[in-house]
Amino acid sequence: MEANLEEKYFRLKKCLAEMGSALVSYSGGVDSTLLLAVGSEVLGENLLAVTVDSPLNPRSMMDATSKMAARLKVEHITIKTDELTDANFTSNPPERCYLCKHARFSKLVDIAAREGISEVLDGSQMNDVGDYRPGMDAVAELSVRSPLLEMELYKFEIRALSRELGLATWNTPGVTCLATRIPYGQKITREKLGVIEQCEEFLSDMGMKNARLRFYDTGIARIEVSPSGIPVLASDGVRERVVDKLKALGFTYVTVDLAGYRTGSLNEVLPENR
């Protein structure tokens, strides 16, 4: 293990051990899985994983959380939420992520208080800092800690450390809230989320990495994939299959973003001072 990464790993273990007990908000992704694995190593039975079962989460990730928690020998519970019953959330303002995170983490803080657990943790890390992420304000307001961020761990280091620890998630593509595929101001609905999930599963099954489907009310589907996947999408045979699939799901126009996949692309329309 590279010396700087080993030092961060040591400090992460020390940080978690000093907590005595912790509740990890567990999504099944690479970040929260590393946090859960290291927490299990130092806290043992004093660690609880909580997964939020929400229509905003891809089902593939939900199915993976219980298996990984069992593999790591961590107690795991699932709580249900339905953000789509909140008209403020479904109106899709730029503060959408704050509304969701505040509601979710309030539930986790309540569970921790009830169970006598000292800290509530999330998997935020250094790459989350540069983009517009109002959900991090909710995390701070509720005194939720982000140990990966505190240790100044970047995504590439988290993947490297996960690989060193033998975690199967080390090279899994990032999976995020499905509501992030819908432009601000356009209503979030159960139907849209279902179409987005179907499209992204279809693209993933075709070998597209980091596939995102941006859903516009004007009947436009904007596909983002890794740059290497763009010529594949445009190739004969593949192009026709993608167009047919997405038109069958209700889109009029099927487009590919030549800038490729990047996180927070829908934030590009927001004022720079956000």
Protein backbone atom coordinates (compact mmCIF):
# COMPACT_ATOMS: atom_id res chain seq x y z
CA MET A 1 0.00 0.00 0.00
CA GLU A 2 1.29 3.46 -0.89
CA ALA A 3 2.62 5.29 2.19
CA ASN A 4 0.24 8.26 2.09
CA LEU A 5 -2.77 6.00 1.66
CA GLU A 6 -1.59 3.74 4.47
CA GLU A 7 -1.31 6.77 6.75
CA LYS A 8 -4.86 7.88 5.90
CA TYR A 9 -6.10 4.33 6.50
CA PHE A 10 -4.46 4.31 9.93
CA ARG A 11 -5.99 7.69 10.81
CA LEU A 12 -9.42 6.54 9.60
CA LYS A 13 -9.29 3.50 11.86
CA LYS A 14 -8.21 5.65 14.80
CA CYS A 15 -10.99 8.17 14.12
CA LEU A 16 -13.66 5.47 14.03
CA ALA A 17 -12.32 3.61 17.05
CA GLU A 18 -12.46 6.79 19.15
CA MET A 19 -16.19 7.11 18.43
CA GLY A 20 -16.98 3.99 20.43
CA SER A 21 -20.13 3.34 18.38
CA ALA A 22 -21.52 4.52 15.07
CA LEU A 23 -24.41 4.32 12.65
CA VAL A 24 -23.41 4.31 8.97
CA SER A 25 -25.80 5.57 6.32
CA TYR A 26 -25.23 2.68 3.93
CA SER A 27 -26.07 2.93 0.22
CA GLY A 28 -23.99 -0.01 -1.02
CA GLY A 29 -21.70 2.21 -3.08
CA VAL A 30 -17.91 2.23 -3.01
CA ASP A 31 -17.62 5.06 -0.44
CA SER A 32 -20.07 3.86 2.20
CA THR A 33 -18.90 0.25 1.75
CA LEU A 34 -15.32 1.23 2.58
CA LEU A 35 -16.56 3.19 5.59
CA LEU A 36 -18.61 0.20 6.72
CA ALA A 37 -15.72 -2.24 6.25
CA VAL A 38 -13.24 -0.16 8.23
CA GLY A 39 -15.88 0.56 10.86
CA SER A 40 -16.54 -3.15 11.23
CA GLU A 41 -12.83 -3.75 11.67
CA VAL A 42 -12.49 -1.39 14.62
CA LEU A 43 -15.99 -1.14 16.14
CA GLY A 44 -17.27 -4.68 15.66
CA GLU A 45 -20.71 -5.09 17.22
CA ASN A 46 -20.86 -1.38 18.03
CA LEU A 47 -21.58 -0.56 14.40
CA LEU A 48 -25.00 -0.38 12.74
CA ALA A 49 -25.65 -0.01 9.01
CA VAL A 50 -28.91 1.66 7.96
CA THR A 51 -30.11 1.68 4.37
CA VAL A 52 -32.89 3.94 3.16
CA ASP A 53 -35.31 2.15 0.83
CA SER A 54 -36.63 4.91 -1.41
CA PRO A 55 -38.07 5.23 -4.93
CA LEU A 56 -35.06 7.48 -5.61
CA ASN A 57 -32.63 4.57 -5.25
CA PRO A 58 -31.89 2.08 -8.05
CA ARG A 59 -33.15 -1.35 -7.03
CA SER A 60 -29.83 -2.96 -7.99
CA MET A 61 -28.11 -1.07 -5.19
CA MET A 62 -30.82 -1.87 -2.68
CA ASP A 63 -30.42 -5.59 -3.35
CA ALA A 64 -26.66 -5.41 -2.81
CA THR A 65 -26.67 -3.68 0.58
CA SER A 66 -27.93 -6.58 2.70
CA LYS A 67 -25.51 -9.02 1.07
CA MET A 68 -22.48 -6.82 1.67
CA ALA A 69 -23.48 -6.00 5.26
CA ALA A 70 -23.85 -9.71 5.97
CA ARG A 71 -20.44 -10.38 4.40
CA LEU A 72 -18.89 -7.74 6.64
CA LYS A 73 -20.78 -9.13 9.66
CA VAL A 74 -22.44 -5.80 10.40
CA GLU A 75 -25.96 -5.47 11.78
CA HIS A 76 -28.09 -3.98 9.03
CA ILE A 77 -31.58 -2.52 8.97
CA THR A 78 -33.62 -0.90 6.20
CA ILE A 79 -36.05 1.96 6.64
CA LYS A 80 -38.59 3.06 4.04
CA THR A 81 -39.07 6.62 2.86
CA ASP A 82 -41.08 8.15 0.03
CA GLU A 83 -39.87 11.59 -0.91
CA LEU A 84 -42.43 11.68 -3.72
CA THR A 85 -45.15 12.48 -1.19
CA ASP A 86 -43.45 15.83 -0.48
CA ALA A 87 -44.64 18.48 -2.95
CA ASN A 88 -41.66 20.71 -2.12
CA PHE A 89 -39.29 17.93 -3.13
CA THR A 90 -41.15 16.86 -6.28
CA SER A 91 -41.24 20.45 -7.54
CA ASN A 92 -37.49 19.87 -7.96
CA PRO A 93 -35.92 23.11 -6.73
CA PRO A 94 -32.12 23.52 -6.72
CA GLU A 95 -32.31 22.78 -2.96
CA ARG A 96 -33.86 19.36 -3.67
CA CYS A 97 -30.89 17.45 -2.25
CA TYR A 98 -31.03 19.43 0.98
CA LEU A 99 -34.71 18.58 1.49
CA CYS A 100 -34.08 14.89 0.94
CA LYS A 101 -30.91 14.62 3.04
CA HIS A 102 -32.38 16.58 5.94
CA ALA A 103 -35.42 14.30 6.09
CA ARG A 104 -33.37 11.12 5.76
CA PHE A 105 -30.64 11.97 8.22
CA SER A 106 -33.17 13.25 10.75
CA LYS A 107 -34.53 9.68 10.83
CA LEU A 108 -31.03 8.23 11.24
CA VAL A 109 -30.20 10.66 14.03
CA ASP A 110 -33.39 9.58 15.82
CA ILE A 111 -32.44 5.90 15.45
CA ALA A 112 -28.95 6.57 16.81
CA ALA A 113 -30.36 8.45 19.81
CA ARG A 114 -32.82 5.65 20.52
CA GLU A 115 -30.12 2.97 20.32
CA GLY A 116 -27.53 4.91 22.31
CA ILE A 117 -25.17 5.22 19.33
CA SER A 118 -22.69 8.08 19.58
CA GLU A 119 -22.22 9.12 15.93
CA VAL A 120 -24.10 9.08 12.62
CA LEU A 121 -21.79 8.79 9.61
CA ASP A 122 -22.06 9.29 5.87
CA GLY A 123 -19.74 8.45 2.99
CA SER A 124 -19.00 11.94 1.67
CA GLN A 125 -15.43 12.34 0.41
CA MET A 126 -13.15 14.97 -1.11
CA ASN A 127 -14.57 14.77 -4.64
CA ASP A 128 -17.95 15.80 -3.26
CA VAL A 129 -16.67 19.20 -2.15
CA GLY A 130 -16.13 20.89 -5.52
CA ASP A 131 -19.67 20.58 -6.89
CA TYR A 132 -22.95 22.19 -5.79
CA ARG A 133 -24.19 19.79 -3.11
CA PRO A 134 -26.76 21.39 -0.80
CA GLY A 135 -27.27 18.03 0.91
CA MET A 136 -23.94 18.57 2.66
CA ASP A 137 -25.51 21.55 4.45
CA ALA A 138 -28.12 19.21 5.93
CA VAL A 139 -25.37 16.81 7.00
CA ALA A 140 -23.58 19.64 8.80
CA GLU A 141 -26.76 20.99 10.44
CA LEU A 142 -27.56 17.57 11.91
CA SER A 143 -23.96 16.99 13.12
CA VAL A 144 -23.56 13.95 10.90
CA ARG A 145 -19.88 13.15 10.45
CA SER A 146 -18.07 12.31 7.21
CA PRO A 147 -14.90 10.41 8.19
CA LEU A 148 -13.69 9.89 4.62
CA LEU A 149 -13.89 13.63 4.09
CA GLU A 150 -12.23 14.31 7.45
CA MET A 151 -9.31 12.09 6.37
CA GLU A 152 -9.17 13.96 3.03
CA LEU A 153 -9.71 10.78 1.03
CA TYR A 154 -10.38 11.17 -2.69
CA LYS A 155 -12.38 8.73 -4.81
CA PHE A 156 -9.28 7.23 -6.44
CA GLU A 157 -7.83 6.56 -2.96
CA ILE A 158 -11.08 5.05 -1.76
CA ARG A 159 -11.06 2.69 -4.73
CA ALA A 160 -7.40 1.81 -4.12
CA LEU A 161 -7.96 1.15 -0.41
CA SER A 162 -11.11 -0.85 -1.15
CA ARG A 163 -9.08 -3.02 -3.52
CA GLU A 164 -6.37 -3.53 -0.89
CA LEU A 165 -9.06 -4.65 1.57
CA GLY A 166 -10.59 -7.06 -0.93
CA LEU A 167 -13.91 -5.25 -1.28
CA ALA A 168 -15.84 -6.20 -4.42
CA THR A 169 -17.09 -2.63 -4.73
CA TRP A 170 -13.62 -1.19 -5.46
CA ASN A 171 -14.30 -0.82 -9.20
CA THR A 172 -18.09 -0.52 -9.31
CA PRO A 173 -19.45 2.49 -11.23
CA GLY A 174 -20.91 5.30 -9.18
CA VAL A 175 -24.65 4.97 -8.59
CA THR A 176 -26.55 8.03 -7.43
CA CYS A 177 -30.06 9.25 -6.68
CA LEU A 178 -32.29 8.90 -9.76
CA ALA A 179 -33.79 12.34 -9.18
CA THR A 180 -30.46 13.86 -10.23
CA ARG A 181 -31.33 12.94 -13.84
CA ILE A 182 -34.24 15.41 -13.99
CA PRO A 183 -33.51 19.11 -14.66
CA TYR A 184 -34.36 21.55 -11.88
CA GLY A 185 -37.88 22.88 -12.09
CA GLN A 186 -39.24 19.83 -13.92
CA LYS A 187 -41.45 17.68 -11.72
CA ILE A 188 -40.08 14.46 -10.25
CA THR A 189 -42.53 11.59 -10.70
CA ARG A 190 -42.52 7.86 -10.04
CA GLU A 191 -43.03 7.24 -13.76
CA LYS A 192 -39.99 9.29 -14.78
CA LEU A 193 -37.79 7.55 -12.23
CA GLY A 194 -38.92 4.17 -13.53
CA VAL A 195 -38.08 5.10 -17.12
CA ILE A 196 -34.67 6.46 -16.10
CA GLU A 197 -33.82 3.26 -14.23
CA GLN A 198 -34.91 1.08 -17.17
CA CYS A 199 -32.83 3.12 -19.62
CA GLU A 200 -29.72 3.10 -17.50
CA GLU A 201 -29.97 -0.64 -16.87
CA PHE A 202 -30.34 -1.14 -20.64
CA LEU A 203 -27.23 0.96 -21.36
CA SER A 204 -25.27 -0.79 -18.63
CA ASP A 205 -26.22 -4.21 -20.01
CA MET A 206 -24.81 -3.04 -23.35
CA GLY A 207 -21.47 -2.41 -21.68
CA MET A 208 -21.74 1.36 -21.24
CA LYS A 209 -19.83 2.62 -18.20
CA ASN A 210 -21.18 5.44 -16.04
CA ALA A 211 -24.34 5.66 -18.15
CA ARG A 212 -26.72 8.47 -17.23
CA LEU A 213 -30.07 9.29 -18.81
CA ARG A 214 -31.10 12.94 -18.42
CA PHE A 215 -34.89 13.16 -18.76
CA TYR A 216 -36.36 16.35 -20.26
CA ASP A 217 -40.08 17.15 -20.37
CA THR A 218 -39.68 18.21 -24.00
CA GLY A 219 -39.37 14.55 -25.03
CA ILE A 220 -35.57 14.67 -25.18
CA ALA A 221 -33.35 11.99 -23.70
CA ARG A 222 -29.76 13.16 -23.20
CA ILE A 223 -27.39 10.24 -22.72
CA GLU A 224 -24.09 10.64 -20.93
CA VAL A 225 -21.50 7.85 -21.02
CA SER A 226 -17.74 7.67 -20.54
CA PRO A 227 -15.95 9.24 -23.55
CA SER A 228 -14.81 5.82 -24.77
CA GLY A 229 -18.46 4.75 -24.99
CA ILE A 230 -19.56 7.59 -27.29
CA PRO A 231 -18.30 6.02 -30.56
CA VAL A 232 -19.79 2.70 -29.46
CA LEU A 233 -23.20 4.32 -28.98
CA ALA A 234 -22.97 5.89 -32.44
CA SER A 235 -21.94 2.68 -34.18
CA ASP A 236 -24.21 0.79 -36.54
CA GLY A 237 -26.43 -1.69 -34.78
CA VAL A 238 -25.97 -0.18 -31.33
CA ARG A 239 -27.39 3.21 -32.31
CA GLU A 240 -30.57 1.66 -33.70
CA ARG A 241 -31.10 -0.51 -30.62
CA VAL A 242 -30.72 2.45 -28.27
CA VAL A 243 -33.05 4.68 -30.31
CA ASP A 244 -35.70 1.96 -30.56
CA LYS A 245 -35.55 1.24 -26.83
CA LEU A 246 -35.81 4.85 -25.73
CA LYS A 247 -38.54 5.74 -28.21
CA ALA A 248 -40.50 2.75 -26.96
CA LEU A 249 -40.24 4.28 -23.49
CA GLY A 250 -41.77 7.54 -24.72
CA PHE A 251 -38.93 9.79 -25.88
CA THR A 252 -39.21 11.68 -29.15
CA TYR A 253 -35.55 12.59 -29.51
CA VAL A 254 -32.57 10.50 -28.38
CA THR A 255 -29.33 12.46 -28.04
CA VAL A 256 -25.77 11.79 -26.84
CA ASP A 257 -23.85 14.44 -24.88
CA LEU A 258 -20.46 14.74 -26.60
CA ALA A 259 -18.90 16.10 -23.39
CA GLY A 260 -19.38 12.64 -21.90
CA TYR A 261 -20.32 11.61 -18.39
CA ARG A 262 -19.54 14.00 -15.54
CA THR A 263 -21.05 14.40 -12.11
CA GLY A 264 -23.49 17.23 -11.55
CA SER A 265 -23.98 18.11 -15.22
CA LEU A 266 -27.45 19.50 -14.47
CA ASN A 267 -25.81 21.98 -12.09
CA GLU A 268 -24.14 23.67 -15.05
CA VAL A 269 -27.21 25.86 -15.59
CA LEU A 270 -27.12 27.23 -12.03
CA PRO A 271 -25.62 30.63 -11.17
CA GLU A 272 -21.95 30.36 -10.26
CA ASN A 273 -22.52 31.74 -6.77
CA ARG A 274 -24.47 28.70 -5.60
